Structures are given as C-alpha cells and as structure tokens.
Amino acid sequence: MVMVKRFEVYLVNLDPVIGHEICKTRPCLVISPDEMNHHIQTVIIAPMTTQGTHYPTRIPLVFQNKNGQIVLDQIRTRDCLNQNSQNFRIFRIMATIIVVNNCQAF
C-alpha cells in the first residue's frame, strides 16, 4: 500500500468515468486527513486541471509553473491497494502547489 499524506499530489488514472466526470490521467491532490490515509486503504482526492470554468468550487493554483484549478466539485475516493490495476495507477509527483487565492504554498 502506498502511504500517502494530505496535500501530496499524485498522478491518478480517473478512468472509467460516467457522464460529465473529469477523466483521463491527471494530477490529483490528496484531501483526506492523514489519520484516514494511514488506517484505511482509501484516499479522497481532488483532480487538478489547467482547463475549465471558474466556479466557486474550483480553487485557482500554480502547479509545475502552470496555472490551473483544484476541482473540488469532482472529488472522489480511490483504493490505494489497487494501484497496479489498469483502471487505477497512483504515482507521487514531487512538486509545490501554490494556492493563488490565499497565497499559501504546500
């Protein structure tokens, strides 16, 4: 099992999807608390994108020198134990996220 921490960024395959869900492999921010991440095999993630409409549920950010958004209206849960399957792969990305609204760096 991958030991993930809150506010780390992972590359996650979000397929398969239904309807208007955000798809493909993309960076995702872990938003589940560390207590959850260390004791159960699932994590809660929020996808990140460089595209899209500016909604109140989307937080502007700079990630790997690109402007984008954390898409909180598309949060989902992923199983860390299933990381080697075709439908879910998780890889840690070493990078800094800067949240533009509050000028906070993680």
Foldseek 3Di string as FASTA:
>chain_A
DDQDAAQFKKFKAQPDDPDPADGGTAIWGFHDHSVCSVPAQKTKTFGKDLDDDDDPQWFWKAKPNGIITGRNVRIDMDGNVCQPDPRIHIDTDPIWIAGPVVRDID
